[in-house]
Amino acid sequence: MGCGRVGSMLARNLEARGHTTAVIDSNPDAFRRLGPDFQGTTVTGMGFDREVLRQAGIEQADAFAAVSSGDNSNIISARVAREQFEIENVVARIYDPGRAEVYERLGVPTVATVPWAADQVLRRLVPAGSEPAWRDQTGEVRLDAVYAPFAWIGHRIDELEGATNTRVAFLRRLGTGVIASDDTVIQEGDYLSIFMRESEAVEIHRRIEQGPEAD
């Protein structure tokens, strides 16, 4: 639901991945954003109207995304999709971070647009490394991206994880993404993406810079 910039891009991206999509918007002119090659269904109406949802094929849907410009419309339509049509995979875009937190607790997954955007801008304003690449909504887990310190070159991923109480999710090596395994050997120039606890971040970065302890 919603054929603005986000909704139209989402629909095109899903279609490009081989999914069948239907897009709902109250303004029929909005469907122009989908482009002439869009093969999915377009339905004019309100996304929380049950008949409009049925026209869009909600009864055969595997997932529903509410990405209109209104928080109320998004959360109402998301709840209708989940509670009345029993769609398990539902997500709503919410601008108000307070509301987003409430709806998350109610079991409606949300994308809190304003906090995410503010965090992205903040990470580009402050010195490199002082803000994580990602932080979960509870604020307890963060993902940091760091170049492998010289002291860790030649050591295995599981050594770094064991010494720092972290999890290396993946790394970028010579411009290519690599899923790290325990026996992956760290090389010069590797760019590591590391999950860690927020409360331990300062100490973890100190350990990473310090390198492995001598045998």
N, C-alpha and C. Protein backbone atom coordinates (compact mmCIF):
# COMPACT_ATOMS: atom_id res chain seq x y z
N MET A 1 0.83 -1.18 0.00
CA MET A 1 0.00 0.00 0.00
C MET A 1 0.87 1.24 0.00
N GLY A 2 0.60 2.12 -0.99
CA GLY A 2 1.37 3.34 -1.11
C GLY A 2 2.27 3.28 -2.33
N CYS A 3 2.05 4.19 -3.27
CA CYS A 3 2.87 4.18 -4.49
C CYS A 3 3.65 5.48 -4.61
N GLY A 4 4.25 5.88 -3.50
CA GLY A 4 5.16 7.01 -3.54
C GLY A 4 6.54 6.54 -3.98
N ARG A 5 7.56 7.26 -3.61
CA ARG A 5 8.92 6.88 -4.02
C ARG A 5 9.31 5.52 -3.45
N VAL A 6 9.00 5.29 -2.17
CA VAL A 6 9.38 4.03 -1.54
C VAL A 6 8.54 2.88 -2.09
N GLY A 7 7.22 3.07 -2.14
CA GLY A 7 6.35 2.00 -2.60
C GLY A 7 6.61 1.59 -4.03
N SER A 8 6.80 2.58 -4.91
CA SER A 8 7.05 2.24 -6.32
C SER A 8 8.38 1.54 -6.50
N MET A 9 9.41 1.98 -5.76
CA MET A 9 10.72 1.31 -5.85
C MET A 9 10.64 -0.10 -5.29
N LEU A 10 9.93 -0.26 -4.20
CA LEU A 10 9.76 -1.59 -3.60
C LEU A 10 9.06 -2.53 -4.56
N ALA A 11 7.99 -2.05 -5.20
CA ALA A 11 7.24 -2.89 -6.14
C ALA A 11 8.11 -3.30 -7.33
N ARG A 12 8.87 -2.34 -7.87
CA ARG A 12 9.73 -2.67 -9.01
C ARG A 12 10.84 -3.65 -8.62
N ASN A 13 11.40 -3.45 -7.44
CA ASN A 13 12.46 -4.35 -6.98
C ASN A 13 11.94 -5.76 -6.75
N LEU A 14 10.74 -5.87 -6.18
CA LEU A 14 10.15 -7.19 -5.98
C LEU A 14 9.87 -7.87 -7.32
N GLU A 15 9.33 -7.10 -8.25
CA GLU A 15 9.04 -7.67 -9.57
C GLU A 15 10.32 -8.12 -10.27
N ALA A 16 11.38 -7.34 -10.12
CA ALA A 16 12.66 -7.70 -10.74
C ALA A 16 13.21 -8.99 -10.16
N ARG A 17 12.79 -9.34 -8.93
CA ARG A 17 13.24 -10.57 -8.29
C ARG A 17 12.28 -11.73 -8.56
N GLY A 18 11.32 -11.51 -9.45
CA GLY A 18 10.44 -12.59 -9.85
C GLY A 18 9.16 -12.72 -9.06
N HIS A 19 8.85 -11.74 -8.20
CA HIS A 19 7.63 -11.80 -7.40
C HIS A 19 6.47 -11.12 -8.13
N THR A 20 5.27 -11.60 -7.88
CA THR A 20 4.06 -10.96 -8.39
C THR A 20 3.59 -9.95 -7.36
N THR A 21 3.34 -8.72 -7.78
CA THR A 21 3.00 -7.67 -6.83
C THR A 21 1.71 -6.97 -7.23
N ALA A 22 1.04 -6.39 -6.22
CA ALA A 22 -0.11 -5.53 -6.42
C ALA A 22 0.12 -4.27 -5.61
N VAL A 23 -0.22 -3.11 -6.17
CA VAL A 23 0.03 -1.83 -5.52
C VAL A 23 -1.29 -1.09 -5.34
N ILE A 24 -1.52 -0.60 -4.13
CA ILE A 24 -2.72 0.17 -3.81
C ILE A 24 -2.33 1.62 -3.53
N ASP A 25 -3.08 2.55 -4.08
CA ASP A 25 -2.89 3.96 -3.75
C ASP A 25 -4.21 4.69 -3.99
N SER A 26 -4.46 5.72 -3.17
CA SER A 26 -5.71 6.48 -3.32
C SER A 26 -5.66 7.43 -4.51
N ASN A 27 -4.47 7.70 -5.01
CA ASN A 27 -4.29 8.61 -6.14
C ASN A 27 -3.86 7.82 -7.37
N PRO A 28 -4.72 7.70 -8.38
CA PRO A 28 -4.35 6.89 -9.55
C PRO A 28 -3.14 7.43 -10.31
N ASP A 29 -2.87 8.72 -10.21
CA ASP A 29 -1.71 9.30 -10.89
C ASP A 29 -0.40 8.76 -10.31
N ALA A 30 -0.46 8.28 -9.08
CA ALA A 30 0.76 7.79 -8.43
C ALA A 30 1.33 6.57 -9.13
N PHE A 31 0.49 5.83 -9.83
CA PHE A 31 0.96 4.60 -10.48
C PHE A 31 1.92 4.89 -11.63
N ARG A 32 2.00 6.13 -12.07
CA ARG A 32 2.95 6.48 -13.12
C ARG A 32 4.38 6.22 -12.69
N ARG A 33 4.61 6.27 -11.37
CA ARG A 33 5.96 6.02 -10.85
C ARG A 33 6.42 4.59 -11.12
N LEU A 34 5.49 3.70 -11.36
CA LEU A 34 5.86 2.29 -11.59
C LEU A 34 6.49 2.08 -12.96
N GLY A 35 6.25 3.00 -13.88
CA GLY A 35 6.84 2.88 -15.21
C GLY A 35 6.00 2.01 -16.13
N PRO A 36 6.25 2.11 -17.42
CA PRO A 36 5.43 1.39 -18.41
C PRO A 36 5.65 -0.11 -18.43
N ASP A 37 6.74 -0.58 -17.85
CA ASP A 37 7.04 -2.02 -17.90
C ASP A 37 6.50 -2.79 -16.71
N PHE A 38 5.86 -2.11 -15.79
CA PHE A 38 5.35 -2.80 -14.59
C PHE A 38 4.25 -3.77 -14.97
N GLN A 39 4.38 -5.02 -14.54
CA GLN A 39 3.45 -6.08 -14.92
C GLN A 39 2.43 -6.42 -13.84
N GLY A 40 2.56 -5.79 -12.67
CA GLY A 40 1.69 -6.14 -11.55
C GLY A 40 0.33 -5.48 -11.63
N THR A 41 -0.44 -5.64 -10.57
CA THR A 41 -1.79 -5.10 -10.46
C THR A 41 -1.77 -3.75 -9.76
N THR A 42 -2.58 -2.82 -10.22
CA THR A 42 -2.74 -1.53 -9.54
C THR A 42 -4.20 -1.36 -9.16
N VAL A 43 -4.44 -0.92 -7.92
CA VAL A 43 -5.80 -0.76 -7.41
C VAL A 43 -5.91 0.61 -6.76
N THR A 44 -6.89 1.38 -7.18
CA THR A 44 -7.12 2.70 -6.60
C THR A 44 -8.07 2.58 -5.42
N GLY A 45 -7.64 3.09 -4.27
CA GLY A 45 -8.48 3.02 -3.08
C GLY A 45 -7.65 3.15 -1.82
N MET A 46 -8.30 3.01 -0.68
CA MET A 46 -7.63 3.09 0.61
C MET A 46 -7.15 1.70 1.03
N GLY A 47 -5.92 1.63 1.47
CA GLY A 47 -5.32 0.34 1.76
C GLY A 47 -5.86 -0.38 2.97
N PHE A 48 -6.68 0.30 3.79
CA PHE A 48 -7.27 -0.38 4.93
C PHE A 48 -8.72 -0.78 4.65
N ASP A 49 -9.20 -0.52 3.43
CA ASP A 49 -10.53 -0.94 3.01
C ASP A 49 -10.47 -2.41 2.60
N ARG A 50 -11.27 -3.25 3.24
CA ARG A 50 -11.19 -4.69 3.01
C ARG A 50 -11.51 -5.06 1.56
N GLU A 51 -12.47 -4.37 0.95
CA GLU A 51 -12.81 -4.69 -0.43
C GLU A 51 -11.68 -4.30 -1.38
N VAL A 52 -11.03 -3.17 -1.10
CA VAL A 52 -9.88 -2.77 -1.90
C VAL A 52 -8.76 -3.79 -1.77
N LEU A 53 -8.53 -4.26 -0.56
CA LEU A 53 -7.50 -5.28 -0.34
C LEU A 53 -7.83 -6.56 -1.09
N ARG A 54 -9.10 -6.93 -1.10
CA ARG A 54 -9.49 -8.14 -1.84
C ARG A 54 -9.25 -7.95 -3.34
N GLN A 55 -9.56 -6.76 -3.86
CA GLN A 55 -9.31 -6.50 -5.28
C GLN A 55 -7.83 -6.64 -5.61
N ALA A 56 -7.00 -6.29 -4.66
CA ALA A 56 -5.54 -6.38 -4.87
C ALA A 56 -5.01 -7.79 -4.69
N GLY A 57 -5.87 -8.71 -4.25
CA GLY A 57 -5.44 -10.10 -4.09
C GLY A 57 -4.90 -10.44 -2.73
N ILE A 58 -5.35 -9.74 -1.70
CA ILE A 58 -4.81 -9.96 -0.36
C ILE A 58 -5.01 -11.40 0.11
N GLU A 59 -6.07 -12.05 -0.35
CA GLU A 59 -6.36 -13.40 0.10
C GLU A 59 -5.38 -14.44 -0.45
N GLN A 60 -4.62 -14.05 -1.47
CA GLN A 60 -3.59 -14.94 -2.01
C GLN A 60 -2.18 -14.43 -1.70
N ALA A 61 -2.08 -13.37 -0.92
CA ALA A 61 -0.78 -12.72 -0.69
C ALA A 61 0.06 -13.46 0.33
N ASP A 62 1.36 -13.41 0.13
CA ASP A 62 2.31 -13.95 1.11
C ASP A 62 2.83 -12.86 2.04
N ALA A 63 2.73 -11.60 1.62
CA ALA A 63 3.28 -10.51 2.43
C ALA A 63 2.55 -9.22 2.10
N PHE A 64 2.60 -8.27 3.04
CA PHE A 64 1.95 -6.97 2.86
C PHE A 64 2.84 -5.88 3.45
N ALA A 65 3.07 -4.82 2.67
CA ALA A 65 3.87 -3.68 3.13
C ALA A 65 3.02 -2.43 3.07
N ALA A 66 2.94 -1.71 4.17
CA ALA A 66 2.21 -0.44 4.24
C ALA A 66 3.23 0.69 4.25
N VAL A 67 3.37 1.37 3.12
CA VAL A 67 4.42 2.39 2.98
C VAL A 67 3.86 3.69 2.43
N SER A 68 2.63 4.04 2.82
CA SER A 68 2.08 5.33 2.41
C SER A 68 2.71 6.42 3.25
N SER A 69 2.29 7.66 3.03
CA SER A 69 2.88 8.79 3.76
C SER A 69 2.23 9.04 5.11
N GLY A 70 1.21 8.25 5.47
CA GLY A 70 0.51 8.46 6.73
C GLY A 70 0.71 7.34 7.73
N ASP A 71 1.16 7.67 8.93
CA ASP A 71 1.36 6.65 9.98
C ASP A 71 0.06 5.91 10.29
N ASN A 72 -1.04 6.67 10.45
CA ASN A 72 -2.31 6.03 10.82
C ASN A 72 -2.77 5.06 9.75
N SER A 73 -2.71 5.49 8.50
CA SER A 73 -3.13 4.61 7.40
C SER A 73 -2.28 3.35 7.35
N ASN A 74 -0.98 3.53 7.56
CA ASN A 74 -0.07 2.38 7.49
C ASN A 74 -0.35 1.37 8.59
N ILE A 75 -0.52 1.85 9.80
CA ILE A 75 -0.70 0.90 10.90
C ILE A 75 -2.07 0.24 10.85
N ILE A 76 -3.11 1.00 10.44
CA ILE A 76 -4.45 0.40 10.33
C ILE A 76 -4.46 -0.67 9.25
N SER A 77 -3.92 -0.35 8.09
CA SER A 77 -3.92 -1.32 6.99
C SER A 77 -3.07 -2.54 7.34
N ALA A 78 -1.97 -2.32 8.04
CA ALA A 78 -1.12 -3.45 8.45
C ALA A 78 -1.87 -4.37 9.41
N ARG A 79 -2.60 -3.77 10.33
CA ARG A 79 -3.36 -4.58 11.29
C ARG A 79 -4.52 -5.32 10.61
N VAL A 80 -5.17 -4.67 9.64
CA VAL A 80 -6.24 -5.34 8.89
C VAL A 80 -5.66 -6.54 8.14
N ALA A 81 -4.52 -6.34 7.49
CA ALA A 81 -3.90 -7.43 6.73
C ALA A 81 -3.54 -8.60 7.64
N ARG A 82 -3.02 -8.29 8.82
CA ARG A 82 -2.60 -9.36 9.72
C ARG A 82 -3.77 -10.00 10.46
N GLU A 83 -4.65 -9.18 11.02
CA GLU A 83 -5.68 -9.70 11.90
C GLU A 83 -6.91 -10.22 11.16
N GLN A 84 -7.27 -9.60 10.03
CA GLN A 84 -8.47 -10.03 9.33
C GLN A 84 -8.18 -10.97 8.16
N PHE A 85 -7.01 -10.80 7.54
CA PHE A 85 -6.67 -11.66 6.41
C PHE A 85 -5.55 -12.65 6.75
N GLU A 86 -5.06 -12.57 8.00
CA GLU A 86 -4.08 -13.52 8.53
C GLU A 86 -2.81 -13.59 7.69
N ILE A 87 -2.36 -12.44 7.22
CA ILE A 87 -1.07 -12.36 6.52
C ILE A 87 0.03 -12.30 7.59
N GLU A 88 0.90 -13.28 7.62
CA GLU A 88 1.92 -13.34 8.67
C GLU A 88 3.04 -12.32 8.45
N ASN A 89 3.44 -12.13 7.20
CA ASN A 89 4.58 -11.27 6.90
C ASN A 89 4.08 -9.87 6.56
N VAL A 90 3.99 -9.01 7.57
CA VAL A 90 3.47 -7.66 7.42
C VAL A 90 4.48 -6.66 7.98
N VAL A 91 4.67 -5.55 7.28
CA VAL A 91 5.56 -4.50 7.78
C VAL A 91 4.94 -3.15 7.48
N ALA A 92 5.12 -2.20 8.41
CA ALA A 92 4.57 -0.86 8.24
C ALA A 92 5.67 0.17 8.42
N ARG A 93 5.68 1.17 7.53
CA ARG A 93 6.60 2.30 7.69
C ARG A 93 5.95 3.32 8.62
N ILE A 94 6.69 3.72 9.65
CA ILE A 94 6.18 4.67 10.63
C ILE A 94 7.17 5.82 10.79
N TYR A 95 6.70 7.04 10.70
CA TYR A 95 7.57 8.20 10.86
C TYR A 95 7.81 8.51 12.34
N ASP A 96 6.79 8.39 13.16
CA ASP A 96 6.88 8.73 14.58
C ASP A 96 7.61 7.61 15.32
N PRO A 97 8.81 7.86 15.84
CA PRO A 97 9.56 6.78 16.50
C PRO A 97 8.86 6.23 17.73
N GLY A 98 8.10 7.07 18.44
CA GLY A 98 7.36 6.60 19.61
C GLY A 98 6.30 5.60 19.22
N ARG A 99 5.57 5.90 18.16
CA ARG A 99 4.56 4.97 17.68
C ARG A 99 5.19 3.67 17.18
N ALA A 100 6.30 3.81 16.48
CA ALA A 100 6.97 2.63 15.94
C ALA A 100 7.31 1.65 17.05
N GLU A 101 7.79 2.18 18.17
CA GLU A 101 8.17 1.32 19.29
C GLU A 101 6.94 0.62 19.87
N VAL A 102 5.82 1.36 19.98
CA VAL A 102 4.60 0.77 20.51
C VAL A 102 4.10 -0.36 19.61
N TYR A 103 4.08 -0.11 18.30
CA TYR A 103 3.57 -1.12 17.37
C TYR A 103 4.47 -2.33 17.30
N GLU A 104 5.77 -2.13 17.48
CA GLU A 104 6.69 -3.28 17.54
C GLU A 104 6.31 -4.17 18.71
N ARG A 105 5.98 -3.56 19.85
CA ARG A 105 5.61 -4.35 21.02
C ARG A 105 4.28 -5.08 20.81
N LEU A 106 3.43 -4.51 19.94
CA LEU A 106 2.16 -5.14 19.63
C LEU A 106 2.30 -6.23 18.57
N GLY A 107 3.52 -6.42 18.08
CA GLY A 107 3.77 -7.49 17.13
C GLY A 107 3.66 -7.09 15.68
N VAL A 108 3.62 -5.79 15.40
CA VAL A 108 3.59 -5.32 14.01
C VAL A 108 4.98 -4.79 13.66
N PRO A 109 5.75 -5.51 12.84
CA PRO A 109 7.08 -5.03 12.48
C PRO A 109 7.00 -3.67 11.78
N THR A 110 7.86 -2.76 12.18
CA THR A 110 7.84 -1.42 11.61
C THR A 110 9.22 -1.01 11.13
N VAL A 111 9.23 -0.09 10.17
CA VAL A 111 10.46 0.58 9.75
C VAL A 111 10.31 2.03 10.18
N ALA A 112 11.08 2.42 11.18
CA ALA A 112 10.99 3.78 11.73
C ALA A 112 11.86 4.70 10.87
N THR A 113 11.25 5.37 9.93
CA THR A 113 11.97 6.12 8.90
C THR A 113 12.81 7.25 9.48
N VAL A 114 12.26 8.02 10.39
CA VAL A 114 12.97 9.20 10.91
C VAL A 114 14.22 8.82 11.70
N PRO A 115 14.13 7.89 12.68
CA PRO A 115 15.36 7.50 13.39
C PRO A 115 16.41 6.92 12.46
N TRP A 116 15.99 6.11 11.49
CA TRP A 116 16.96 5.51 10.56
C TRP A 116 17.67 6.60 9.77
N ALA A 117 16.90 7.55 9.22
CA ALA A 117 17.51 8.60 8.41
C ALA A 117 18.44 9.46 9.25
N ALA A 118 18.00 9.79 10.47
CA ALA A 118 18.84 10.60 11.35
C ALA A 118 20.14 9.89 11.68
N ASP A 119 20.05 8.57 11.91
CA ASP A 119 21.25 7.79 12.22
C ASP A 119 22.21 7.75 11.04
N GLN A 120 21.67 7.62 9.81
CA GLN A 120 22.52 7.60 8.63
C GLN A 120 23.25 8.92 8.45
N VAL A 121 22.54 10.04 8.67
CA VAL A 121 23.18 11.35 8.55
C VAL A 121 24.22 11.54 9.65
N LEU A 122 23.89 11.14 10.87
CA LEU A 122 24.82 11.26 11.99
C LEU A 122 26.12 10.54 11.72
N ARG A 123 26.02 9.32 11.15
CA ARG A 123 27.21 8.53 10.89
C ARG A 123 28.13 9.21 9.87
N ARG A 124 27.58 10.09 9.04
CA ARG A 124 28.39 10.78 8.04
C ARG A 124 28.93 12.12 8.55
N LEU A 125 28.40 12.57 9.69
CA LEU A 125 28.84 13.83 10.26
C LEU A 125 29.96 13.65 11.29
N VAL A 126 29.84 12.59 12.09
CA VAL A 126 30.79 12.40 13.17
C VAL A 126 32.01 11.63 12.67
N PRO A 127 33.10 11.64 13.43
CA PRO A 127 34.31 10.94 13.00
C PRO A 127 34.06 9.48 12.72
N ALA A 128 34.77 8.95 11.73
CA ALA A 128 34.61 7.56 11.33
C ALA A 128 34.84 6.63 12.51
N GLY A 129 33.99 5.64 12.65
CA GLY A 129 34.14 4.64 13.69
C GLY A 129 33.44 4.96 14.99
N SER A 130 32.97 6.21 15.17
CA SER A 130 32.33 6.56 16.43
C SER A 130 30.86 6.18 16.46
N GLU A 131 30.29 5.89 15.31
CA GLU A 131 28.91 5.43 15.23
C GLU A 131 28.87 4.12 14.45
N PRO A 132 27.98 3.19 14.84
CA PRO A 132 27.92 1.89 14.15
C PRO A 132 27.28 2.01 12.78
N ALA A 133 27.48 0.99 11.97
CA ALA A 133 26.82 0.92 10.67
C ALA A 133 25.34 0.63 10.84
N TRP A 134 24.98 -0.05 11.93
CA TRP A 134 23.58 -0.41 12.20
C TRP A 134 23.43 -0.64 13.68
N ARG A 135 22.25 -0.33 14.21
CA ARG A 135 21.94 -0.59 15.61
C ARG A 135 20.51 -1.11 15.68
N ASP A 136 20.28 -2.21 16.42
CA ASP A 136 18.92 -2.74 16.49
C ASP A 136 18.05 -1.80 17.31
N GLN A 137 16.72 -1.96 17.19
CA GLN A 137 15.80 -1.00 17.79
C GLN A 137 15.84 -1.00 19.31
N THR A 138 16.33 -2.06 19.92
CA THR A 138 16.44 -2.07 21.38
C THR A 138 17.66 -1.30 21.85
N GLY A 139 18.60 -1.02 20.92
CA GLY A 139 19.81 -0.32 21.29
C GLY A 139 20.85 -1.19 21.95
N GLU A 140 20.64 -2.51 21.96
CA GLU A 140 21.55 -3.42 22.66
C GLU A 140 22.59 -4.05 21.75
N VAL A 141 22.29 -4.16 20.46
CA VAL A 141 23.20 -4.81 19.52
C VAL A 141 23.53 -3.84 18.40
N ARG A 142 24.79 -3.79 18.00
CA ARG A 142 25.22 -2.91 16.92
C ARG A 142 26.12 -3.66 15.95
N LEU A 143 26.18 -3.12 14.73
CA LEU A 143 27.06 -3.68 13.70
C LEU A 143 28.08 -2.61 13.34
N ASP A 144 29.35 -2.92 13.56
CA ASP A 144 30.43 -2.00 13.24
C ASP A 144 31.24 -2.53 12.06
N ALA A 145 31.70 -1.63 11.21
CA ALA A 145 32.54 -2.00 10.07
C ALA A 145 33.92 -1.38 10.28
N VAL A 146 34.94 -2.23 10.32
CA VAL A 146 36.30 -1.76 10.58
C VAL A 146 37.29 -2.47 9.66
N TYR A 147 38.35 -1.78 9.30
CA TYR A 147 39.43 -2.43 8.57
C TYR A 147 40.22 -3.30 9.54
N ALA A 148 40.60 -4.46 9.07
CA ALA A 148 41.32 -5.40 9.93
C ALA A 148 42.63 -4.77 10.40
N PRO A 149 42.83 -4.63 11.72
CA PRO A 149 44.09 -4.10 12.23
C PRO A 149 45.26 -5.01 11.85
N PHE A 150 46.43 -4.44 11.71
CA PHE A 150 47.61 -5.19 11.30
C PHE A 150 47.87 -6.37 12.22
N ALA A 151 47.57 -6.20 13.52
CA ALA A 151 47.88 -7.25 14.49
C ALA A 151 47.08 -8.53 14.25
N TRP A 152 45.93 -8.44 13.54
CA TRP A 152 45.08 -9.61 13.33
C TRP A 152 45.34 -10.28 11.98
N ILE A 153 46.15 -9.69 11.14
CA ILE A 153 46.40 -10.27 9.82
C ILE A 153 47.11 -11.62 9.98
N GLY A 154 46.57 -12.65 9.30
CA GLY A 154 47.12 -13.99 9.42
C GLY A 154 46.43 -14.83 10.47
N HIS A 155 45.55 -14.23 11.26
CA HIS A 155 44.80 -14.97 12.27
C HIS A 155 43.41 -15.31 11.75
N ARG A 156 42.83 -16.33 12.37
CA ARG A 156 41.52 -16.80 11.93
C ARG A 156 40.39 -15.97 12.54
N ILE A 157 39.24 -15.99 11.85
CA ILE A 157 38.07 -15.25 12.32
C ILE A 157 37.65 -15.71 13.71
N ASP A 158 37.68 -17.04 13.97
CA ASP A 158 37.23 -17.52 15.27
C ASP A 158 38.15 -17.06 16.40
N GLU A 159 39.41 -16.77 16.10
CA GLU A 159 40.30 -16.23 17.12
C GLU A 159 39.86 -14.82 17.52
N LEU A 160 39.54 -14.01 16.53
CA LEU A 160 39.09 -12.64 16.80
C LEU A 160 37.77 -12.66 17.57
N GLU A 161 36.84 -13.52 17.14
CA GLU A 161 35.54 -13.59 17.81
C GLU A 161 35.70 -14.04 19.27
N GLY A 162 36.55 -15.03 19.50
CA GLY A 162 36.74 -15.52 20.85
C GLY A 162 37.40 -14.50 21.76
N ALA A 163 38.32 -13.72 21.21
CA ALA A 163 39.05 -12.73 22.01
C ALA A 163 38.21 -11.49 22.30
N THR A 164 37.21 -11.24 21.47
CA THR A 164 36.45 -9.99 21.61
C THR A 164 34.98 -10.18 21.94
N ASN A 165 34.52 -11.43 22.03
CA ASN A 165 33.11 -11.72 22.31
C ASN A 165 32.21 -11.06 21.27
N THR A 166 32.53 -11.26 19.99
CA THR A 166 31.78 -10.66 18.90
C THR A 166 31.44 -11.74 17.87
N ARG A 167 30.74 -11.33 16.82
CA ARG A 167 30.45 -12.22 15.70
C ARG A 167 30.73 -11.46 14.41
N VAL A 168 31.66 -11.98 13.62
CA VAL A 168 31.96 -11.39 12.32
C VAL A 168 30.94 -11.90 11.32
N ALA A 169 30.07 -11.02 10.84
CA ALA A 169 28.99 -11.43 9.94
C ALA A 169 29.51 -11.68 8.53
N PHE A 170 30.29 -10.75 8.03
CA PHE A 170 30.85 -10.88 6.68
C PHE A 170 32.01 -9.91 6.56
N LEU A 171 32.74 -10.01 5.47
CA LEU A 171 33.84 -9.08 5.23
C LEU A 171 33.89 -8.74 3.75
N ARG A 172 34.50 -7.61 3.48
CA ARG A 172 34.71 -7.21 2.09
C ARG A 172 36.19 -7.34 1.79
N ARG A 173 36.51 -8.11 0.74
CA ARG A 173 37.90 -8.37 0.39
C ARG A 173 38.09 -8.14 -1.11
N LEU A 174 38.96 -7.21 -1.44
CA LEU A 174 39.25 -6.89 -2.84
C LEU A 174 37.97 -6.54 -3.60
N GLY A 175 37.05 -5.82 -2.91
CA GLY A 175 35.83 -5.36 -3.55
C GLY A 175 34.73 -6.38 -3.62
N THR A 176 34.93 -7.56 -3.01
CA THR A 176 33.93 -8.63 -3.06
C THR A 176 33.47 -8.98 -1.66
N GLY A 177 32.16 -9.16 -1.47
CA GLY A 177 31.63 -9.58 -0.18
C GLY A 177 31.90 -11.05 0.06
N VAL A 178 32.32 -11.39 1.28
CA VAL A 178 32.65 -12.77 1.64
C VAL A 178 31.97 -13.10 2.96
N ILE A 179 31.20 -14.20 2.99
CA ILE A 179 30.63 -14.69 4.24
C ILE A 179 31.74 -15.36 5.04
N ALA A 180 32.00 -14.88 6.21
CA ALA A 180 33.12 -15.39 7.00
C ALA A 180 32.75 -16.70 7.69
N SER A 181 33.70 -17.63 7.72
CA SER A 181 33.56 -18.86 8.49
C SER A 181 34.63 -18.86 9.57
N ASP A 182 34.54 -19.82 10.50
CA ASP A 182 35.49 -19.84 11.62
C ASP A 182 36.94 -19.88 11.15
N ASP A 183 37.20 -20.61 10.06
CA ASP A 183 38.60 -20.79 9.64
C ASP A 183 39.04 -19.79 8.57
N THR A 184 38.21 -18.78 8.30
CA THR A 184 38.63 -17.73 7.37
C THR A 184 39.82 -16.99 7.97
N VAL A 185 40.88 -16.84 7.19
CA VAL A 185 42.08 -16.16 7.66
C VAL A 185 42.00 -14.68 7.27
N ILE A 186 42.20 -13.83 8.23
CA ILE A 186 42.12 -12.38 8.00
C ILE A 186 43.32 -11.93 7.18
N GLN A 187 43.04 -11.14 6.14
CA GLN A 187 44.09 -10.64 5.26
C GLN A 187 44.17 -9.12 5.32
N GLU A 188 45.29 -8.60 4.89
CA GLU A 188 45.47 -7.16 4.85
C GLU A 188 44.43 -6.53 3.91
N GLY A 189 43.79 -5.46 4.37
CA GLY A 189 42.79 -4.78 3.56
C GLY A 189 41.38 -5.28 3.77
N ASP A 190 41.21 -6.37 4.54
CA ASP A 190 39.86 -6.86 4.81
C ASP A 190 39.05 -5.82 5.58
N TYR A 191 37.79 -5.65 5.20
CA TYR A 191 36.88 -4.72 5.85
C TYR A 191 35.83 -5.56 6.56
N LEU A 192 35.92 -5.64 7.87
CA LEU A 192 35.12 -6.57 8.66
C LEU A 192 33.84 -5.92 9.17
N SER A 193 32.73 -6.63 9.03
CA SER A 193 31.46 -6.20 9.62
C SER A 193 31.19 -7.07 10.83
N ILE A 194 31.17 -6.45 12.01
CA ILE A 194 31.20 -7.18 13.27
C ILE A 194 30.00 -6.81 14.14
N PHE A 195 29.24 -7.84 14.57
CA PHE A 195 28.17 -7.62 15.53
C PHE A 195 28.75 -7.65 16.94
N MET A 196 28.26 -6.71 17.79
CA MET A 196 28.73 -6.64 19.17
C MET A 196 27.65 -6.03 20.05
N ARG A 197 27.80 -6.20 21.36
CA ARG A 197 26.88 -5.55 22.30
C ARG A 197 27.24 -4.08 22.43
N GLU A 198 26.22 -3.25 22.45
CA GLU A 198 26.44 -1.80 22.58
C GLU A 198 27.20 -1.48 23.86
N SER A 199 26.86 -2.15 24.96
CA SER A 199 27.48 -1.85 26.25
C SER A 199 28.95 -2.22 26.29
N GLU A 200 29.41 -3.07 25.36
CA GLU A 200 30.79 -3.53 25.37
C GLU A 200 31.61 -2.93 24.23
N ALA A 201 31.01 -2.03 23.45
CA ALA A 201 31.63 -1.56 22.21
C ALA A 201 33.01 -0.93 22.43
N VAL A 202 33.13 -0.07 23.43
CA VAL A 202 34.40 0.61 23.65
C VAL A 202 35.50 -0.40 23.97
N GLU A 203 35.21 -1.35 24.86
CA GLU A 203 36.20 -2.35 25.24
C GLU A 203 36.51 -3.27 24.07
N ILE A 204 35.50 -3.60 23.27
CA ILE A 204 35.72 -4.48 22.12
C ILE A 204 36.64 -3.82 21.11
N HIS A 205 36.43 -2.55 20.83
CA HIS A 205 37.31 -1.86 19.88
C HIS A 205 38.73 -1.78 20.42
N ARG A 206 38.86 -1.65 21.73
CA ARG A 206 40.21 -1.64 22.32
C ARG A 206 40.89 -2.99 22.11
N ARG A 207 40.12 -4.07 22.30
CA ARG A 207 40.70 -5.41 22.11
C ARG A 207 41.05 -5.66 20.65
N ILE A 208 40.19 -5.19 19.76
CA ILE A 208 40.47 -5.39 18.33
C ILE A 208 41.76 -4.68 17.96
N GLU A 209 41.94 -3.46 18.41
CA GLU A 209 43.16 -2.73 18.11
C GLU A 209 44.38 -3.34 18.77
N GLN A 210 44.17 -3.90 19.96
CA GLN A 210 45.29 -4.49 20.71
C GLN A 210 45.83 -5.73 19.99
N GLY A 211 44.92 -6.49 19.36
CA GLY A 211 45.35 -7.70 18.69
C GLY A 211 45.27 -8.91 19.58
N PRO A 212 45.58 -10.09 19.06
CA PRO A 212 45.50 -11.32 19.86
C PRO A 212 46.56 -11.32 20.95
N GLU A 213 46.19 -11.94 22.07
CA GLU A 213 47.16 -12.05 23.17
C GLU A 213 48.24 -13.06 22.80
N ALA A 214 49.43 -12.81 23.25
CA ALA A 214 50.55 -13.72 22.97
C ALA A 214 50.35 -15.04 23.69
N ASP A 215 50.75 -16.12 23.04
CA ASP A 215 50.63 -17.45 23.66
C ASP A 215 51.58 -17.54 24.85
